[in-house]
Amino acid sequence: MENRDLIVESNILLALLKTTIEQSDFLIGEFKQRPKQVFNNWRNLSLMLDKELDNKNIVNEEYLLSLTDFIHNMLNELRKQHKKIKQ
């Protein structure tokens, strides 16, 4: 994979991880026992991967922010659609 492609794909992965971590904030405290342990381990590993890729200068912060904003907007649309269906 060319370096440019690696950066793009890595930033997409990080955007998905970051938005998943931010989304998971809604669930903090909701899981009990083993699911809670797995959840916390997954979250910590995701944060470690983010830091590692950032240290290797693979992260383009501006691009990453635009990707995470896009994903958050999609999630908000999903919530709106869910509320319409529930009514």
PDB file of N, CA and C in Angstrom:
ATOM      1  N   MET A   1       0.852  -1.171   0.000  1.00  0.00           N
ATOM      2  CA  MET A   1       0.000   0.000   0.000  1.00  0.00           C
ATOM      3  C   MET A   1       0.896   1.232   0.000  1.00  0.00           C
ATOM      4  N   GLU A   2       0.572   2.172  -0.836  1.00  0.00           N
ATOM      5  CA  GLU A   2       1.349   3.411  -0.873  1.00  0.00           C
ATOM      6  C   GLU A   2       1.142   4.193   0.414  1.00  0.00           C
ATOM      7  N   ASN A   3       2.126   4.997   0.790  1.00  0.00           N
ATOM      8  CA  ASN A   3       2.082   5.760   2.033  1.00  0.00           C
ATOM      9  C   ASN A   3       0.837   6.646   2.101  1.00  0.00           C
ATOM     10  N   ARG A   4       0.498   7.285   0.989  1.00  0.00           N
ATOM     11  CA  ARG A   4      -0.687   8.162   0.968  1.00  0.00           C
ATOM     12  C   ARG A   4      -1.957   7.363   1.265  1.00  0.00           C
ATOM     13  N   ASP A   5      -2.075   6.172   0.664  1.00  0.00           N
ATOM     14  CA  ASP A   5      -3.228   5.309   0.912  1.00  0.00           C
ATOM     15  C   ASP A   5      -3.252   4.830   2.359  1.00  0.00           C
ATOM     16  N   LEU A   6      -2.075   4.515   2.890  1.00  0.00           N
ATOM     17  CA  LEU A   6      -1.974   4.088   4.280  1.00  0.00           C
ATOM     18  C   LEU A   6      -2.484   5.184   5.214  1.00  0.00           C
ATOM     19  N   ILE A   7      -2.122   6.409   4.946  1.00  0.00           N
ATOM     20  CA  ILE A   7      -2.558   7.535   5.771  1.00  0.00           C
ATOM     21  C   ILE A   7      -4.071   7.699   5.689  1.00  0.00           C
ATOM     22  N   VAL A   8      -4.626   7.636   4.483  1.00  0.00           N
ATOM     23  CA  VAL A   8      -6.076   7.780   4.314  1.00  0.00           C
ATOM     24  C   VAL A   8      -6.807   6.664   5.055  1.00  0.00           C
ATOM     25  N   GLU A   9      -6.394   5.429   4.821  1.00  0.00           N
ATOM     26  CA  GLU A   9      -7.073   4.294   5.451  1.00  0.00           C
ATOM     27  C   GLU A   9      -6.903   4.318   6.970  1.00  0.00           C
ATOM     28  N   SER A  10      -5.742   4.711   7.445  1.00  0.00           N
ATOM     29  CA  SER A  10      -5.512   4.808   8.890  1.00  0.00           C
ATOM     30  C   SER A  10      -6.378   5.886   9.516  1.00  0.00           C
ATOM     31  N   ASN A  11      -6.522   7.004   8.823  1.00  0.00           N
ATOM     32  CA  ASN A  11      -7.365   8.082   9.341  1.00  0.00           C
ATOM     33  C   ASN A  11      -8.835   7.683   9.349  1.00  0.00           C
ATOM     34  N   ILE A  12      -9.270   6.926   8.359  1.00  0.00           N
ATOM     35  CA  ILE A  12     -10.647   6.424   8.362  1.00  0.00           C
ATOM     36  C   ILE A  12     -10.850   5.496   9.560  1.00  0.00           C
ATOM     37  N   LEU A  13      -9.893   4.588   9.777  1.00  0.00           N
ATOM     38  CA  LEU A  13      -9.973   3.684  10.927  1.00  0.00           C
ATOM     39  C   LEU A  13     -10.029   4.471  12.228  1.00  0.00           C
ATOM     40  N   LEU A  14      -9.151   5.449  12.365  1.00  0.00           N
ATOM     41  CA  LEU A  14      -9.126   6.247  13.589  1.00  0.00           C
ATOM     42  C   LEU A  14     -10.420   7.035  13.776  1.00  0.00           C
ATOM     43  N   ALA A  15     -10.974   7.552  12.692  1.00  0.00           N
ATOM     44  CA  ALA A  15     -12.244   8.278  12.797  1.00  0.00           C
ATOM     45  C   ALA A  15     -13.344   7.352  13.296  1.00  0.00           C
ATOM     46  N   LEU A  16     -13.368   6.137  12.776  1.00  0.00           N
ATOM     47  CA  LEU A  16     -14.355   5.166  13.248  1.00  0.00           C
ATOM     48  C   LEU A  16     -14.134   4.831  14.722  1.00  0.00           C
ATOM     49  N   LEU A  17     -12.878   4.623  15.104  1.00  0.00           N
ATOM     50  CA  LEU A  17     -12.578   4.331  16.508  1.00  0.00           C
ATOM     51  C   LEU A  17     -12.952   5.491  17.413  1.00  0.00           C
ATOM     52  N   LYS A  18     -12.570   6.709  17.013  1.00  0.00           N
ATOM     53  CA  LYS A  18     -12.866   7.877  17.841  1.00  0.00           C
ATOM     54  C   LYS A  18     -14.360   8.081  18.005  1.00  0.00           C
ATOM     55  N   THR A  19     -15.102   7.964  16.924  1.00  0.00           N
ATOM     56  CA  THR A  19     -16.549   8.154  17.043  1.00  0.00           C
ATOM     57  C   THR A  19     -17.178   7.016  17.836  1.00  0.00           C
ATOM     58  N   THR A  20     -16.617   5.817  17.714  1.00  0.00           N
ATOM     59  CA  THR A  20     -17.126   4.692  18.503  1.00  0.00           C
ATOM     60  C   THR A  20     -16.838   4.926  19.981  1.00  0.00           C
ATOM     61  N   ILE A  21     -15.655   5.405  20.295  1.00  0.00           N
ATOM     62  CA  ILE A  21     -15.318   5.721  21.685  1.00  0.00           C
ATOM     63  C   ILE A  21     -16.246   6.813  22.212  1.00  0.00           C
ATOM     64  N   GLU A  22     -16.439   7.866  21.422  1.00  0.00           N
ATOM     65  CA  GLU A  22     -17.323   8.952  21.844  1.00  0.00           C
ATOM     66  C   GLU A  22     -18.760   8.455  21.980  1.00  0.00           C
ATOM     67  N   GLN A  23     -19.187   7.600  21.061  1.00  0.00           N
ATOM     68  CA  GLN A  23     -20.521   7.011  21.142  1.00  0.00           C
ATOM     69  C   GLN A  23     -20.641   6.127  22.382  1.00  0.00           C
ATOM     70  N   SER A  24     -19.568   5.427  22.706  1.00  0.00           N
ATOM     71  CA  SER A  24     -19.613   4.516  23.847  1.00  0.00           C
ATOM     72  C   SER A  24     -19.768   5.265  25.162  1.00  0.00           C
ATOM     73  N   ASP A  25     -19.476   6.566  25.178  1.00  0.00           N
ATOM     74  CA  ASP A  25     -19.678   7.350  26.396  1.00  0.00           C
ATOM     75  C   ASP A  25     -21.129   7.283  26.867  1.00  0.00           C
ATOM     76  N   PHE A  26     -22.058   7.097  25.941  1.00  0.00           N
ATOM     77  CA  PHE A  26     -23.465   6.973  26.304  1.00  0.00           C
ATOM     78  C   PHE A  26     -23.713   5.697  27.117  1.00  0.00           C
ATOM     79  N   LEU A  27     -22.829   4.722  26.981  1.00  0.00           N
ATOM     80  CA  LEU A  27     -23.030   3.417  27.617  1.00  0.00           C
ATOM     81  C   LEU A  27     -22.185   3.200  28.867  1.00  0.00           C
ATOM     82  N   ILE A  28     -21.369   4.189  29.215  1.00  0.00           N
ATOM     83  CA  ILE A  28     -20.533   4.040  30.409  1.00  0.00           C
ATOM     84  C   ILE A  28     -21.437   3.828  31.617  1.00  0.00           C
ATOM     85  N   GLY A  29     -21.123   2.784  32.363  1.00  0.00           N
ATOM     86  CA  GLY A  29     -21.901   2.458  33.548  1.00  0.00           C
ATOM     87  C   GLY A  29     -23.101   1.564  33.283  1.00  0.00           C
ATOM     88  N   GLU A  30     -23.393   1.289  32.019  1.00  0.00           N
ATOM     89  CA  GLU A  30     -24.559   0.468  31.690  1.00  0.00           C
ATOM     90  C   GLU A  30     -24.248  -1.024  31.680  1.00  0.00           C
ATOM     91  N   PHE A  31     -23.006  -1.391  31.395  1.00  0.00           N
ATOM     92  CA  PHE A  31     -22.637  -2.795  31.362  1.00  0.00           C
ATOM     93  C   PHE A  31     -22.192  -3.251  32.742  1.00  0.00           C
ATOM     94  N   LYS A  32     -22.405  -4.510  33.032  1.00  0.00           N
ATOM     95  CA  LYS A  32     -22.024  -5.074  34.329  1.00  0.00           C
ATOM     96  C   LYS A  32     -21.093  -6.266  34.127  1.00  0.00           C
ATOM     97  N   GLN A  33     -20.209  -6.486  35.060  1.00  0.00           N
ATOM     98  CA  GLN A  33     -19.285  -7.599  35.159  1.00  0.00           C
ATOM     99  C   GLN A  33     -18.459  -7.808  33.886  1.00  0.00           C
ATOM    100  N   ARG A  34     -18.528  -8.998  33.276  1.00  0.00           N
ATOM    101  CA  ARG A  34     -17.653  -9.344  32.144  1.00  0.00           C
ATOM    102  C   ARG A  34     -17.864  -8.409  30.951  1.00  0.00           C
ATOM    103  N   PRO A  35     -19.100  -8.111  30.551  1.00  0.00           N
ATOM    104  CA  PRO A  35     -19.247  -7.157  29.443  1.00  0.00           C
ATOM    105  C   PRO A  35     -18.583  -5.807  29.747  1.00  0.00           C
ATOM    106  N   LYS A  36     -18.637  -5.382  31.008  1.00  0.00           N
ATOM    107  CA  LYS A  36     -17.997  -4.121  31.400  1.00  0.00           C
ATOM    108  C   LYS A  36     -16.482  -4.216  31.236  1.00  0.00           C
ATOM    109  N   GLN A  37     -15.879  -5.363  31.639  1.00  0.00           N
ATOM    110  CA  GLN A  37     -14.443  -5.550  31.495  1.00  0.00           C
ATOM    111  C   GLN A  37     -14.040  -5.516  30.022  1.00  0.00           C
ATOM    112  N   VAL A  38     -14.771  -6.230  29.188  1.00  0.00           N
ATOM    113  CA  VAL A  38     -14.466  -6.267  27.752  1.00  0.00           C
ATOM    114  C   VAL A  38     -14.607  -4.867  27.156  1.00  0.00           C
ATOM    115  N   PHE A  39     -15.675  -4.192  27.514  1.00  0.00           N
ATOM    116  CA  PHE A  39     -15.924  -2.830  27.045  1.00  0.00           C
ATOM    117  C   PHE A  39     -14.769  -1.904  27.426  1.00  0.00           C
ATOM    118  N   ASN A  40     -14.359  -1.935  28.680  1.00  0.00           N
ATOM    119  CA  ASN A  40     -13.269  -1.073  29.150  1.00  0.00           C
ATOM    120  C   ASN A  40     -11.944  -1.431  28.486  1.00  0.00           C
ATOM    121  N   ASN A  41     -11.665  -2.726  28.311  1.00  0.00           N
ATOM    122  CA  ASN A  41     -10.437  -3.151  27.627  1.00  0.00           C
ATOM    123  C   ASN A  41     -10.430  -2.661  26.185  1.00  0.00           C
ATOM    124  N   TRP A  42     -11.540  -2.842  25.491  1.00  0.00           N
ATOM    125  CA  TRP A  42     -11.645  -2.412  24.101  1.00  0.00           C
ATOM    126  C   TRP A  42     -11.414  -0.906  23.992  1.00  0.00           C
ATOM    127  N   ARG A  43     -12.028  -0.157  24.867  1.00  0.00           N
ATOM    128  CA  ARG A  43     -11.892   1.297  24.851  1.00  0.00           C
ATOM    129  C   ARG A  43     -10.436   1.705  25.071  1.00  0.00           C
ATOM    130  N   ASN A  44      -9.784   1.096  26.061  1.00  0.00           N
ATOM    131  CA  ASN A  44      -8.387   1.425  26.352  1.00  0.00           C
ATOM    132  C   ASN A  44      -7.464   1.055  25.194  1.00  0.00           C
ATOM    133  N   LEU A  45      -7.688  -0.096  24.581  1.00  0.00           N
ATOM    134  CA  LEU A  45      -6.873  -0.502  23.433  1.00  0.00           C
ATOM    135  C   LEU A  45      -7.081   0.445  22.252  1.00  0.00           C
ATOM    136  N   SER A  46      -8.294   0.888  22.046  1.00  0.00           N
ATOM    137  CA  SER A  46      -8.569   1.837  20.960  1.00  0.00           C
ATOM    138  C   SER A  46      -7.835   3.147  21.187  1.00  0.00           C
ATOM    139  N   LEU A  47      -7.826   3.611  22.416  1.00  0.00           N
ATOM    140  CA  LEU A  47      -7.105   4.846  22.736  1.00  0.00           C
ATOM    141  C   LEU A  47      -5.599   4.665  22.549  1.00  0.00           C
ATOM    142  N   MET A  48      -5.088   3.469  22.872  1.00  0.00           N
ATOM    143  CA  MET A  48      -3.667   3.188  22.667  1.00  0.00           C
ATOM    144  C   MET A  48      -3.315   3.193  21.178  1.00  0.00           C
ATOM    145  N   LEU A  49      -4.173   2.607  20.351  1.00  0.00           N
ATOM    146  CA  LEU A  49      -3.931   2.596  18.907  1.00  0.00           C
ATOM    147  C   LEU A  49      -3.931   4.023  18.368  1.00  0.00           C
ATOM    148  N   ASP A  50      -4.864   4.814  18.810  1.00  0.00           N
ATOM    149  CA  ASP A  50      -4.926   6.216  18.393  1.00  0.00           C
ATOM    150  C   ASP A  50      -3.611   6.922  18.726  1.00  0.00           C
ATOM    151  N   LYS A  51      -3.124   6.726  19.929  1.00  0.00           N
ATOM    152  CA  LYS A  51      -1.868   7.371  20.353  1.00  0.00           C
ATOM    153  C   LYS A  51      -0.683   6.870  19.531  1.00  0.00           C
ATOM    154  N   GLU A  52      -0.616   5.564  19.280  1.00  0.00           N
ATOM    155  CA  GLU A  52       0.479   4.985  18.490  1.00  0.00           C
ATOM    156  C   GLU A  52       0.520   5.565  17.078  1.00  0.00           C
ATOM    157  N   LEU A  53      -0.635   5.609  16.430  1.00  0.00           N
ATOM    158  CA  LEU A  53      -0.674   6.138  15.062  1.00  0.00           C
ATOM    159  C   LEU A  53      -0.370   7.627  15.040  1.00  0.00           C
ATOM    160  N   ASP A  54      -0.790   8.322  16.069  1.00  0.00           N
ATOM    161  CA  ASP A  54      -0.476   9.749  16.176  1.00  0.00           C
ATOM    162  C   ASP A  54       1.034   9.937  16.333  1.00  0.00           C
ATOM    163  N   ASN A  55       1.663   9.096  17.130  1.00  0.00           N
ATOM    164  CA  ASN A  55       3.118   9.180  17.329  1.00  0.00           C
ATOM    165  C   ASN A  55       3.895   8.884  16.045  1.00  0.00           C
ATOM    166  N   LYS A  56       3.324   8.087  15.169  1.00  0.00           N
ATOM    167  CA  LYS A  56       3.986   7.740  13.912  1.00  0.00           C
ATOM    168  C   LYS A  56       3.667   8.741  12.801  1.00  0.00           C
ATOM    169  N   ASN A  57       3.006   9.839  13.161  1.00  0.00           N
ATOM    170  CA  ASN A  57       2.653  10.902  12.214  1.00  0.00           C
ATOM    171  C   ASN A  57       1.784  10.401  11.060  1.00  0.00           C
ATOM    172  N   ILE A  58       0.935   9.431  11.351  1.00  0.00           N
ATOM    173  CA  ILE A  58       0.013   8.934  10.340  1.00  0.00           C
ATOM    174  C   ILE A  58      -1.288   9.726  10.393  1.00  0.00           C
ATOM    175  N   VAL A  59      -1.515  10.418  11.494  1.00  0.00           N
ATOM    176  CA  VAL A  59      -2.772  11.123  11.701  1.00  0.00           C
ATOM    177  C   VAL A  59      -2.714  12.517  11.084  1.00  0.00           C
ATOM    178  N   ASN A  60      -3.720  12.815  10.291  1.00  0.00           N
ATOM    179  CA  ASN A  60      -3.924  14.166   9.785  1.00  0.00           C
ATOM    180  C   ASN A  60      -5.103  14.718  10.579  1.00  0.00           C
ATOM    181  N   GLU A  61      -4.818  15.541  11.580  1.00  0.00           N
ATOM    182  CA  GLU A  61      -5.842  15.989  12.534  1.00  0.00           C
ATOM    183  C   GLU A  61      -7.032  16.673  11.863  1.00  0.00           C
ATOM    184  N   GLU A  62      -6.766  17.514  10.880  1.00  0.00           N
ATOM    185  CA  GLU A  62      -7.850  18.227  10.196  1.00  0.00           C
ATOM    186  C   GLU A  62      -8.757  17.250   9.450  1.00  0.00           C
ATOM    187  N   TYR A  63      -8.157  16.323   8.738  1.00  0.00           N
ATOM    188  CA  TYR A  63      -8.916  15.311   7.997  1.00  0.00           C
ATOM    189  C   TYR A  63      -9.672  14.404   8.962  1.00  0.00           C
ATOM    190  N   LEU A  64      -9.004  14.012  10.044  1.00  0.00           N
ATOM    191  CA  LEU A  64      -9.622  13.158  11.049  1.00  0.00           C
ATOM    192  C   LEU A  64     -10.841  13.844  11.668  1.00  0.00           C
ATOM    193  N   LEU A  65     -10.714  15.113  11.968  1.00  0.00           N
ATOM    194  CA  LEU A  65     -11.840  15.870  12.529  1.00  0.00           C
ATOM    195  C   LEU A  65     -13.010  15.922  11.552  1.00  0.00           C
ATOM    196  N   SER A  66     -12.726  16.128  10.278  1.00  0.00           N
ATOM    197  CA  SER A  66     -13.812  16.179   9.289  1.00  0.00           C
ATOM    198  C   SER A  66     -14.491  14.814   9.159  1.00  0.00           C
ATOM    199  N   LEU A  67     -13.714  13.742   9.235  1.00  0.00           N
ATOM    200  CA  LEU A  67     -14.297  12.398   9.180  1.00  0.00           C
ATOM    201  C   LEU A  67     -15.162  12.118  10.396  1.00  0.00           C
ATOM    202  N   THR A  68     -14.663  12.436  11.587  1.00  0.00           N
ATOM    203  CA  THR A  68     -15.454  12.177  12.793  1.00  0.00           C
ATOM    204  C   THR A  68     -16.714  13.032  12.818  1.00  0.00           C
ATOM    205  N   ASP A  69     -16.629  14.266  12.354  1.00  0.00           N
ATOM    206  CA  ASP A  69     -17.832  15.113  12.266  1.00  0.00           C
ATOM    207  C   ASP A  69     -18.864  14.491  11.332  1.00  0.00           C
ATOM    208  N   PHE A  70     -18.404  13.988  10.205  1.00  0.00           N
ATOM    209  CA  PHE A  70     -19.289  13.351   9.238  1.00  0.00           C
ATOM    210  C   PHE A  70     -19.989  12.139   9.856  1.00  0.00           C
ATOM    211  N   ILE A  71     -19.220  11.314  10.561  1.00  0.00           N
ATOM    212  CA  ILE A  71     -19.798  10.122  11.189  1.00  0.00           C
ATOM    213  C   ILE A  71     -20.786  10.514  12.283  1.00  0.00           C
ATOM    214  N   HIS A  72     -20.440  11.516  13.095  1.00  0.00           N
ATOM    215  CA  HIS A  72     -21.371  11.976  14.134  1.00  0.00           C
ATOM    216  C   HIS A  72     -22.675  12.494  13.516  1.00  0.00           C
ATOM    217  N   ASN A  73     -22.569  13.196  12.409  1.00  0.00           N
ATOM    218  CA  ASN A  73     -23.779  13.684  11.733  1.00  0.00           C
ATOM    219  C   ASN A  73     -24.639  12.525  11.249  1.00  0.00           C
ATOM    220  N   MET A  74     -24.012  11.486  10.759  1.00  0.00           N
ATOM    221  CA  MET A  74     -24.760  10.300  10.332  1.00  0.00           C
ATOM    222  C   MET A  74     -25.455   9.647  11.523  1.00  0.00           C
ATOM    223  N   LEU A  75     -24.760   9.556  12.647  1.00  0.00           N
ATOM    224  CA  LEU A  75     -25.356   8.975  13.848  1.00  0.00           C
ATOM    225  C   LEU A  75     -26.540   9.800  14.339  1.00  0.00           C
ATOM    226  N   ASN A  76     -26.420  11.117  14.264  1.00  0.00           N
ATOM    227  CA  ASN A  76     -27.540  11.976  14.658  1.00  0.00           C
ATOM    228  C   ASN A  76     -28.743  11.760  13.748  1.00  0.00           C
ATOM    229  N   GLU A  77     -28.498  11.566  12.463  1.00  0.00           N
ATOM    230  CA  GLU A  77     -29.592  11.270  11.533  1.00  0.00           C
ATOM    231  C   GLU A  77     -30.248   9.936  11.872  1.00  0.00           C
ATOM    232  N   LEU A  78     -29.437   8.945  12.249  1.00  0.00           N
ATOM    233  CA  LEU A  78     -29.988   7.652  12.670  1.00  0.00           C
ATOM    234  C   LEU A  78     -30.897   7.816  13.888  1.00  0.00           C
ATOM    235  N   ARG A  79     -30.476   8.633  14.838  1.00  0.00           N
ATOM    236  CA  ARG A  79     -31.298   8.873  16.029  1.00  0.00           C
ATOM    237  C   ARG A  79     -32.622   9.537  15.651  1.00  0.00           C
ATOM    238  N   LYS A  80     -32.543  10.518  14.761  1.00  0.00           N
ATOM    239  CA  LYS A  80     -33.764  11.202  14.314  1.00  0.00           C
ATOM    240  C   LYS A  80     -34.716  10.223  13.644  1.00  0.00           C
ATOM    241  N   GLN A  81     -34.169   9.370  12.783  1.00  0.00           N
ATOM    242  CA  GLN A  81     -34.994   8.374  12.105  1.00  0.00           C
ATOM    243  C   GLN A  81     -35.618   7.399  13.108  1.00  0.00           C
ATOM    244  N   HIS A  82     -34.855   7.006  14.094  1.00  0.00           N
ATOM    245  CA  HIS A  82     -35.361   6.095  15.119  1.00  0.00           C
ATOM    246  C   HIS A  82     -36.524   6.736  15.889  1.00  0.00           C
ATOM    247  N   LYS A  83     -36.381   8.011  16.224  1.00  0.00           N
ATOM    248  CA  LYS A  83     -37.455   8.716  16.948  1.00  0.00           C
ATOM    249  C   LYS A  83     -38.719   8.795  16.092  1.00  0.00           C
ATOM    250  N   LYS A  84     -38.560   9.027  14.798  1.00  0.00           N
ATOM    251  CA  LYS A  84     -39.727   9.083  13.907  1.00  0.00           C
ATOM    252  C   LYS A  84     -40.435   7.730  13.845  1.00  0.00           C
ATOM    253  N   ILE A  85     -39.656   6.657  13.796  1.00  0.00           N
ATOM    254  CA  ILE A  85     -40.226   5.308  13.723  1.00  0.00           C
ATOM    255  C   ILE A  85     -40.958   4.972  15.030  1.00  0.00           C
ATOM    256  N   LYS A  86     -40.393   5.367  16.163  1.00  0.00           N
ATOM    257  CA  LYS A  86     -40.998   5.067  17.469  1.00  0.00           C
ATOM    258  C   LYS A  86     -42.339   5.767  17.640  1.00  0.00           C
ATOM    259  N   GLN A  87     -42.522   6.912  17.000  1.00  0.00           N
ATOM    260  CA  GLN A  87     -43.753   7.699  17.205  1.00  0.00           C
ATOM    261  C   GLN A  87     -44.859   7.134  16.444  1.00  0.00           C
TER     262      GLN A  87
END
